[in-house]
């Protein structure tokens, strides 16, 4: 529980201590990806956007809860647009230029998230709705006898 030391990147570490490294990110690793997939999960309570490369490795993600919205404001189209802007910035830093969008869920942030990704400079090559639909559903209950 001693004194905490914060070492800036430019400053050299004191004698006897090694320089601390920050958590590595996609930009630091030097891996450049030009095409990927954006997965938009729009539920009644939240909007989660994940951007991955063609192999499925996650490059960036964010949700309306992590942006700072709380309660019923998380499911609004405005919150989904803000999340899309943040994810687009992270994806551009990784070198992503074109994306294929897969939308899942029935929330109100579906359309605004796709529009925000397009307006933020990412080239959208395709949009697909992958919301799961039941083929026949469960067996209905017995007829009620009174």
N, C-alpha and C. Protein backbone atom coordinates (compact mmCIF):
# COMPACT_ATOMS: atom_id res chain seq x y z
N UNK A 1 0.83 -1.18 0.00
CA UNK A 1 0.00 0.00 0.00
C UNK A 1 0.87 1.24 0.00
N UNK A 2 1.95 1.19 -0.71
CA UNK A 2 2.84 2.34 -0.77
C UNK A 2 2.33 3.39 -1.73
N UNK A 3 3.19 4.36 -2.02
CA UNK A 3 2.84 5.45 -2.90
C UNK A 3 2.77 4.94 -4.34
N UNK A 4 1.72 5.34 -5.06
CA UNK A 4 1.58 4.92 -6.45
C UNK A 4 2.34 5.89 -7.34
N UNK A 5 3.04 5.34 -8.32
CA UNK A 5 3.80 6.16 -9.24
C UNK A 5 3.21 6.04 -10.64
N UNK A 6 3.01 7.15 -11.26
CA UNK A 6 2.52 7.17 -12.63
C UNK A 6 3.67 7.58 -13.52
N UNK A 7 4.01 6.71 -14.46
CA UNK A 7 5.13 6.97 -15.34
C UNK A 7 4.58 7.31 -16.71
N UNK A 8 4.92 8.49 -17.20
CA UNK A 8 4.45 8.87 -18.53
C UNK A 8 5.29 8.17 -19.59
N UNK A 9 4.79 8.16 -20.83
CA UNK A 9 5.47 7.45 -21.90
C UNK A 9 6.84 8.05 -22.20
N UNK A 10 6.92 9.39 -22.19
CA UNK A 10 8.16 10.05 -22.58
C UNK A 10 9.22 10.01 -21.48
N UNK A 11 8.81 9.98 -20.23
CA UNK A 11 9.77 10.03 -19.13
C UNK A 11 10.42 8.67 -18.92
N UNK A 12 11.65 8.72 -18.49
CA UNK A 12 12.36 7.46 -18.22
C UNK A 12 12.05 6.99 -16.81
N UNK A 13 12.11 5.69 -16.61
CA UNK A 13 11.79 5.11 -15.31
C UNK A 13 12.94 5.36 -14.33
N UNK A 14 12.61 5.53 -13.04
CA UNK A 14 13.66 5.68 -12.04
C UNK A 14 14.53 4.43 -11.97
N UNK A 15 15.71 4.61 -11.41
CA UNK A 15 16.65 3.48 -11.35
C UNK A 15 16.06 2.36 -10.51
N UNK A 16 16.25 1.15 -10.99
CA UNK A 16 15.77 -0.02 -10.26
C UNK A 16 14.34 -0.40 -10.60
N UNK A 17 13.64 0.41 -11.38
CA UNK A 17 12.27 0.08 -11.76
C UNK A 17 12.17 -0.01 -13.28
N UNK A 18 11.42 -0.98 -13.73
CA UNK A 18 11.21 -1.10 -15.17
C UNK A 18 10.02 -0.25 -15.58
N UNK A 19 10.02 0.18 -16.82
CA UNK A 19 8.93 1.03 -17.32
C UNK A 19 7.66 0.21 -17.48
N UNK A 20 6.55 0.74 -16.99
CA UNK A 20 5.30 0.02 -17.11
C UNK A 20 4.74 0.21 -18.51
N UNK A 21 4.11 -0.85 -19.04
CA UNK A 21 3.52 -0.79 -20.38
C UNK A 21 2.01 -0.73 -20.26
N UNK A 22 1.41 -0.04 -21.20
CA UNK A 22 -0.04 0.02 -21.22
C UNK A 22 -0.59 -1.21 -21.92
N UNK A 23 -1.90 -1.43 -21.75
CA UNK A 23 -2.55 -2.57 -22.37
C UNK A 23 -2.46 -2.43 -23.89
N UNK A 24 -2.07 -3.50 -24.57
CA UNK A 24 -1.90 -3.42 -26.02
C UNK A 24 -3.26 -3.38 -26.70
N UNK A 25 -3.31 -2.71 -27.81
CA UNK A 25 -4.54 -2.63 -28.59
C UNK A 25 -4.25 -3.07 -30.01
N UNK A 26 -5.25 -3.03 -30.84
CA UNK A 26 -5.09 -3.47 -32.22
C UNK A 26 -4.10 -2.57 -32.95
N UNK A 27 -4.13 -1.28 -32.64
CA UNK A 27 -3.26 -0.34 -33.32
C UNK A 27 -1.80 -0.61 -32.96
N UNK A 28 -1.53 -0.95 -31.70
CA UNK A 28 -0.17 -1.21 -31.27
C UNK A 28 0.40 -2.47 -31.89
N UNK A 29 -0.45 -3.47 -32.16
CA UNK A 29 0.06 -4.73 -32.67
C UNK A 29 0.49 -4.63 -34.12
N UNK A 30 0.09 -3.56 -34.81
CA UNK A 30 0.53 -3.38 -36.18
C UNK A 30 -0.29 -4.15 -37.20
N UNK A 31 -1.33 -4.85 -36.75
CA UNK A 31 -2.16 -5.63 -37.66
C UNK A 31 -3.18 -4.71 -38.32
N UNK A 32 -3.18 -4.67 -39.64
CA UNK A 32 -4.10 -3.82 -40.38
C UNK A 32 -5.13 -4.68 -41.08
N UNK A 33 -6.39 -4.35 -40.90
CA UNK A 33 -7.50 -5.08 -41.51
C UNK A 33 -8.29 -4.08 -42.34
N UNK A 34 -8.63 -4.43 -43.58
CA UNK A 34 -9.36 -3.51 -44.43
C UNK A 34 -10.84 -3.85 -44.53
N UNK A 35 -11.22 -5.11 -44.35
CA UNK A 35 -12.62 -5.52 -44.46
C UNK A 35 -13.02 -6.28 -43.21
N UNK A 36 -14.27 -6.13 -42.82
CA UNK A 36 -14.75 -6.81 -41.62
C UNK A 36 -16.26 -6.88 -41.58
N UNK A 37 -16.78 -7.25 -40.41
CA UNK A 37 -18.22 -7.42 -40.20
C UNK A 37 -18.63 -6.65 -38.96
N UNK A 38 -19.75 -5.93 -39.06
CA UNK A 38 -20.31 -5.23 -37.91
C UNK A 38 -21.55 -5.98 -37.47
N UNK A 39 -21.56 -6.44 -36.23
CA UNK A 39 -22.70 -7.16 -35.66
C UNK A 39 -23.46 -6.18 -34.76
N UNK A 40 -24.70 -5.90 -35.10
CA UNK A 40 -25.53 -4.99 -34.32
C UNK A 40 -26.61 -5.81 -33.63
N UNK A 41 -26.60 -5.78 -32.30
CA UNK A 41 -27.62 -6.47 -31.52
C UNK A 41 -28.49 -5.40 -30.87
N UNK A 42 -29.70 -5.24 -31.40
CA UNK A 42 -30.61 -4.21 -30.93
C UNK A 42 -31.76 -4.86 -30.17
N UNK A 43 -31.73 -4.77 -28.86
CA UNK A 43 -32.79 -5.35 -28.04
C UNK A 43 -33.70 -4.23 -27.54
N UNK A 44 -34.72 -4.60 -26.78
CA UNK A 44 -35.62 -3.60 -26.23
C UNK A 44 -34.93 -2.75 -25.16
N UNK A 45 -33.84 -3.26 -24.56
CA UNK A 45 -33.20 -2.57 -23.45
C UNK A 45 -31.83 -2.00 -23.76
N UNK A 46 -31.18 -2.41 -24.83
CA UNK A 46 -29.80 -1.99 -25.08
C UNK A 46 -29.47 -2.16 -26.55
N UNK A 47 -28.37 -1.56 -26.99
CA UNK A 47 -27.84 -1.75 -28.33
C UNK A 47 -26.35 -2.03 -28.21
N UNK A 48 -25.92 -3.17 -28.73
CA UNK A 48 -24.52 -3.58 -28.66
C UNK A 48 -24.00 -3.73 -30.09
N UNK A 49 -22.87 -3.09 -30.38
CA UNK A 49 -22.27 -3.17 -31.71
C UNK A 49 -20.87 -3.73 -31.56
N UNK A 50 -20.58 -4.79 -32.32
CA UNK A 50 -19.27 -5.43 -32.32
C UNK A 50 -18.75 -5.45 -33.75
N UNK A 51 -17.50 -5.05 -33.94
CA UNK A 51 -16.87 -5.09 -35.26
C UNK A 51 -15.77 -6.14 -35.21
N UNK A 52 -15.80 -7.07 -36.17
CA UNK A 52 -14.80 -8.12 -36.23
C UNK A 52 -14.22 -8.19 -37.63
N UNK A 53 -13.08 -8.86 -37.75
CA UNK A 53 -12.51 -9.07 -39.08
C UNK A 53 -13.21 -10.25 -39.75
N UNK A 54 -12.74 -10.63 -40.92
CA UNK A 54 -13.42 -11.68 -41.67
C UNK A 54 -13.31 -13.04 -40.99
N UNK A 55 -12.32 -13.23 -40.13
CA UNK A 55 -12.14 -14.50 -39.42
C UNK A 55 -12.95 -14.56 -38.14
N UNK A 56 -13.50 -13.45 -37.68
CA UNK A 56 -14.30 -13.43 -36.47
C UNK A 56 -13.59 -12.86 -35.26
N UNK A 57 -12.34 -12.39 -35.42
CA UNK A 57 -11.63 -11.79 -34.30
C UNK A 57 -12.15 -10.38 -34.05
N UNK A 58 -12.51 -10.08 -32.81
CA UNK A 58 -13.12 -8.80 -32.48
C UNK A 58 -12.09 -7.69 -32.54
N UNK A 59 -12.43 -6.63 -33.28
CA UNK A 59 -11.56 -5.45 -33.38
C UNK A 59 -12.02 -4.35 -32.44
N UNK A 60 -13.33 -4.14 -32.35
CA UNK A 60 -13.87 -3.08 -31.50
C UNK A 60 -15.30 -3.42 -31.12
N UNK A 61 -15.72 -2.94 -29.96
CA UNK A 61 -17.10 -3.14 -29.54
C UNK A 61 -17.49 -2.01 -28.59
N UNK A 62 -18.78 -1.80 -28.49
CA UNK A 62 -19.30 -0.83 -27.53
C UNK A 62 -20.79 -1.06 -27.38
N UNK A 63 -21.33 -0.57 -26.29
CA UNK A 63 -22.77 -0.66 -26.07
C UNK A 63 -23.26 0.67 -25.54
N UNK A 64 -24.56 0.88 -25.59
CA UNK A 64 -25.08 2.16 -25.13
C UNK A 64 -24.93 2.31 -23.62
N UNK A 65 -24.84 1.19 -22.90
CA UNK A 65 -24.57 1.27 -21.48
C UNK A 65 -23.14 1.70 -21.18
N UNK A 66 -22.19 1.23 -21.98
CA UNK A 66 -20.79 1.61 -21.76
C UNK A 66 -20.51 3.03 -22.22
N UNK A 67 -21.34 3.58 -23.11
CA UNK A 67 -21.17 4.97 -23.54
C UNK A 67 -21.60 5.92 -22.44
N UNK A 68 -22.56 5.52 -21.62
CA UNK A 68 -22.97 6.36 -20.50
C UNK A 68 -24.46 6.51 -20.36
N UNK A 69 -25.23 5.91 -21.24
CA UNK A 69 -26.68 5.97 -21.13
C UNK A 69 -27.14 4.96 -20.08
N UNK A 70 -28.25 5.29 -19.42
CA UNK A 70 -28.77 4.37 -18.41
C UNK A 70 -30.27 4.32 -18.50
N UNK A 71 -30.83 3.23 -18.03
CA UNK A 71 -32.28 3.08 -17.99
C UNK A 71 -32.89 2.95 -19.37
N UNK A 72 -34.02 3.60 -19.57
CA UNK A 72 -34.72 3.48 -20.85
C UNK A 72 -34.03 4.23 -21.98
N UNK A 73 -33.11 5.12 -21.66
CA UNK A 73 -32.40 5.87 -22.71
C UNK A 73 -31.44 4.99 -23.50
N UNK A 74 -31.07 3.82 -22.94
CA UNK A 74 -30.15 2.92 -23.65
C UNK A 74 -30.74 2.37 -24.93
N UNK A 75 -32.06 2.24 -25.00
CA UNK A 75 -32.70 1.61 -26.15
C UNK A 75 -33.13 2.62 -27.21
N UNK A 76 -32.75 3.89 -27.08
CA UNK A 76 -33.20 4.90 -28.03
C UNK A 76 -32.33 4.89 -29.29
N UNK A 77 -32.86 5.39 -30.40
CA UNK A 77 -32.06 5.49 -31.62
C UNK A 77 -30.86 6.43 -31.48
N UNK A 78 -30.99 7.47 -30.67
CA UNK A 78 -29.87 8.38 -30.46
C UNK A 78 -28.70 7.67 -29.78
N UNK A 79 -28.99 6.84 -28.79
CA UNK A 79 -27.93 6.09 -28.11
C UNK A 79 -27.26 5.12 -29.08
N UNK A 80 -28.04 4.49 -29.95
CA UNK A 80 -27.47 3.57 -30.93
C UNK A 80 -26.56 4.30 -31.90
N UNK A 81 -26.93 5.52 -32.30
CA UNK A 81 -26.09 6.31 -33.20
C UNK A 81 -24.78 6.70 -32.53
N UNK A 82 -24.83 7.06 -31.26
CA UNK A 82 -23.60 7.42 -30.53
C UNK A 82 -22.67 6.21 -30.40
N UNK A 83 -23.25 5.04 -30.15
CA UNK A 83 -22.44 3.81 -30.05
C UNK A 83 -21.79 3.52 -31.39
N UNK A 84 -22.54 3.69 -32.48
CA UNK A 84 -21.99 3.43 -33.81
C UNK A 84 -20.85 4.37 -34.14
N UNK A 85 -20.94 5.63 -33.73
CA UNK A 85 -19.85 6.58 -33.98
C UNK A 85 -18.59 6.16 -33.25
N UNK A 86 -18.72 5.74 -32.00
CA UNK A 86 -17.55 5.33 -31.22
C UNK A 86 -16.91 4.09 -31.81
N UNK A 87 -17.74 3.11 -32.20
CA UNK A 87 -17.22 1.88 -32.78
C UNK A 87 -16.56 2.16 -34.13
N UNK A 88 -17.13 3.07 -34.91
CA UNK A 88 -16.54 3.41 -36.21
C UNK A 88 -15.17 4.06 -36.03
N UNK A 89 -15.02 4.91 -35.02
CA UNK A 89 -13.71 5.51 -34.74
C UNK A 89 -12.67 4.45 -34.39
N UNK A 90 -13.06 3.51 -33.53
CA UNK A 90 -12.14 2.44 -33.14
C UNK A 90 -11.77 1.57 -34.34
N UNK A 91 -12.76 1.28 -35.19
CA UNK A 91 -12.51 0.43 -36.36
C UNK A 91 -11.62 1.14 -37.37
N UNK A 92 -11.80 2.45 -37.53
CA UNK A 92 -10.95 3.19 -38.47
C UNK A 92 -9.50 3.22 -37.98
N UNK A 93 -9.30 3.30 -36.68
CA UNK A 93 -7.94 3.27 -36.14
C UNK A 93 -7.27 1.94 -36.41
N UNK A 94 -8.07 0.87 -36.53
CA UNK A 94 -7.52 -0.45 -36.84
C UNK A 94 -7.31 -0.62 -38.34
N UNK A 95 -7.73 0.35 -39.16
CA UNK A 95 -7.51 0.30 -40.59
C UNK A 95 -8.71 -0.21 -41.38
N UNK A 96 -9.85 -0.38 -40.74
CA UNK A 96 -11.02 -0.93 -41.40
C UNK A 96 -11.61 0.11 -42.35
N UNK A 97 -11.94 -0.31 -43.57
CA UNK A 97 -12.51 0.60 -44.56
C UNK A 97 -13.92 0.18 -44.97
N UNK A 98 -14.15 -1.12 -45.18
CA UNK A 98 -15.46 -1.59 -45.62
C UNK A 98 -15.97 -2.66 -44.66
N UNK A 99 -17.28 -2.65 -44.43
CA UNK A 99 -17.88 -3.59 -43.50
C UNK A 99 -19.13 -4.20 -44.10
N UNK A 100 -19.44 -5.38 -43.64
CA UNK A 100 -20.68 -6.07 -43.94
C UNK A 100 -21.48 -6.06 -42.64
N UNK A 101 -22.71 -5.58 -42.67
CA UNK A 101 -23.49 -5.38 -41.45
C UNK A 101 -24.47 -6.53 -41.26
N UNK A 102 -24.50 -7.07 -40.05
CA UNK A 102 -25.46 -8.12 -39.66
C UNK A 102 -26.26 -7.58 -38.48
N UNK A 103 -27.57 -7.40 -38.68
CA UNK A 103 -28.43 -6.82 -37.66
C UNK A 103 -29.26 -7.91 -37.03
N UNK A 104 -29.29 -7.94 -35.69
CA UNK A 104 -30.05 -8.93 -34.95
C UNK A 104 -30.88 -8.22 -33.90
N UNK A 105 -32.13 -8.61 -33.75
CA UNK A 105 -32.97 -8.04 -32.71
C UNK A 105 -34.03 -7.12 -33.27
N UNK A 106 -34.94 -6.72 -32.39
CA UNK A 106 -36.09 -5.94 -32.80
C UNK A 106 -36.12 -4.56 -32.14
N UNK A 107 -35.02 -4.09 -31.61
CA UNK A 107 -34.99 -2.82 -30.90
C UNK A 107 -35.11 -1.64 -31.84
N UNK A 108 -35.28 -0.45 -31.25
CA UNK A 108 -35.47 0.76 -32.04
C UNK A 108 -34.17 1.34 -32.58
N UNK A 109 -33.03 0.80 -32.18
CA UNK A 109 -31.75 1.35 -32.63
C UNK A 109 -31.18 0.70 -33.87
N UNK A 110 -31.93 -0.18 -34.52
CA UNK A 110 -31.42 -0.91 -35.69
C UNK A 110 -31.03 0.04 -36.82
N UNK A 111 -31.97 0.83 -37.29
CA UNK A 111 -31.76 1.67 -38.47
C UNK A 111 -30.76 2.79 -38.20
N UNK A 112 -30.88 3.42 -37.05
CA UNK A 112 -30.00 4.54 -36.76
C UNK A 112 -28.56 4.09 -36.59
N UNK A 113 -28.33 2.88 -36.11
CA UNK A 113 -26.96 2.38 -35.97
C UNK A 113 -26.34 2.15 -37.35
N UNK A 114 -27.09 1.59 -38.28
CA UNK A 114 -26.58 1.36 -39.63
C UNK A 114 -26.30 2.69 -40.32
N UNK A 115 -27.21 3.64 -40.17
CA UNK A 115 -27.02 4.96 -40.79
C UNK A 115 -25.79 5.67 -40.22
N UNK A 116 -25.59 5.55 -38.91
CA UNK A 116 -24.44 6.22 -38.29
C UNK A 116 -23.13 5.60 -38.75
N UNK A 117 -23.10 4.27 -38.94
CA UNK A 117 -21.89 3.64 -39.46
C UNK A 117 -21.59 4.13 -40.87
N UNK A 118 -22.62 4.28 -41.69
CA UNK A 118 -22.42 4.75 -43.06
C UNK A 118 -22.00 6.22 -43.09
N UNK A 119 -22.60 7.04 -42.24
CA UNK A 119 -22.27 8.47 -42.22
C UNK A 119 -20.90 8.75 -41.64
N UNK A 120 -20.36 7.82 -40.89
CA UNK A 120 -19.07 8.04 -40.24
C UNK A 120 -17.90 7.61 -41.13
N UNK A 121 -18.17 7.26 -42.37
CA UNK A 121 -17.10 7.03 -43.33
C UNK A 121 -16.78 5.58 -43.62
N UNK A 122 -17.51 4.64 -43.08
CA UNK A 122 -17.28 3.24 -43.39
C UNK A 122 -18.10 2.84 -44.61
N UNK A 123 -17.50 2.11 -45.52
CA UNK A 123 -18.19 1.66 -46.73
C UNK A 123 -18.95 0.38 -46.41
N UNK A 124 -20.27 0.41 -46.51
CA UNK A 124 -21.10 -0.75 -46.19
C UNK A 124 -21.31 -1.56 -47.46
N UNK A 125 -20.84 -2.82 -47.44
CA UNK A 125 -20.96 -3.68 -48.62
C UNK A 125 -22.26 -4.47 -48.63
N UNK A 126 -22.86 -4.72 -47.48
CA UNK A 126 -24.11 -5.47 -47.43
C UNK A 126 -24.74 -5.38 -46.06
N UNK A 127 -26.06 -5.50 -46.03
CA UNK A 127 -26.82 -5.49 -44.77
C UNK A 127 -27.68 -6.73 -44.75
N UNK A 128 -27.59 -7.50 -43.65
CA UNK A 128 -28.37 -8.72 -43.53
C UNK A 128 -29.04 -8.77 -42.16
N UNK A 129 -30.31 -9.15 -42.15
CA UNK A 129 -31.04 -9.31 -40.89
C UNK A 129 -30.92 -10.76 -40.45
N UNK A 130 -30.32 -10.99 -39.30
CA UNK A 130 -30.10 -12.34 -38.79
C UNK A 130 -30.88 -12.58 -37.50
N UNK A 131 -32.01 -11.88 -37.35
CA UNK A 131 -32.85 -12.07 -36.16
C UNK A 131 -33.41 -13.48 -36.16
N UNK A 132 -33.25 -14.24 -35.07
CA UNK A 132 -33.76 -15.61 -35.04
C UNK A 132 -35.29 -15.63 -35.05
N UNK A 133 -35.85 -16.47 -35.90
CA UNK A 133 -37.30 -16.62 -35.99
C UNK A 133 -37.66 -18.07 -35.74
N UNK A 134 -38.68 -18.34 -34.92
CA UNK A 134 -39.08 -19.73 -34.70
C UNK A 134 -39.80 -20.28 -35.93
N UNK A 135 -39.53 -21.54 -36.28
CA UNK A 135 -40.18 -22.16 -37.44
C UNK A 135 -41.62 -22.50 -37.12
N UNK A 136 -41.85 -23.11 -35.99
CA UNK A 136 -43.21 -23.49 -35.63
C UNK A 136 -43.52 -23.13 -34.18
N UNK A 137 -42.52 -22.95 -33.36
CA UNK A 137 -42.73 -22.57 -31.98
C UNK A 137 -43.07 -23.75 -31.10
N UNK A 138 -43.31 -23.49 -29.82
CA UNK A 138 -43.64 -24.58 -28.89
C UNK A 138 -45.07 -25.08 -29.10
N UNK A 139 -45.36 -26.22 -28.53
CA UNK A 139 -46.69 -26.82 -28.64
C UNK A 139 -47.69 -25.96 -27.86
N UNK A 140 -48.85 -25.67 -28.44
CA UNK A 140 -49.81 -24.84 -27.73
C UNK A 140 -50.39 -25.57 -26.53
N UNK A 141 -50.88 -24.83 -25.54
CA UNK A 141 -51.44 -25.50 -24.35
C UNK A 141 -52.76 -26.22 -24.66
N UNK A 142 -53.12 -27.12 -23.74
CA UNK A 142 -54.38 -27.85 -23.90
C UNK A 142 -55.57 -26.90 -23.89
N UNK A 143 -56.67 -27.33 -24.45
CA UNK A 143 -57.88 -26.53 -24.43
C UNK A 143 -58.41 -26.48 -23.00
N UNK A 144 -58.79 -25.30 -22.54
CA UNK A 144 -59.25 -25.13 -21.18
C UNK A 144 -60.68 -25.63 -21.04
N UNK A 145 -60.92 -26.48 -20.04
CA UNK A 145 -62.29 -26.99 -19.76
C UNK A 145 -62.81 -26.32 -18.50
N UNK A 146 -63.97 -25.73 -18.60
CA UNK A 146 -64.54 -25.06 -17.45
C UNK A 146 -65.78 -25.77 -16.97
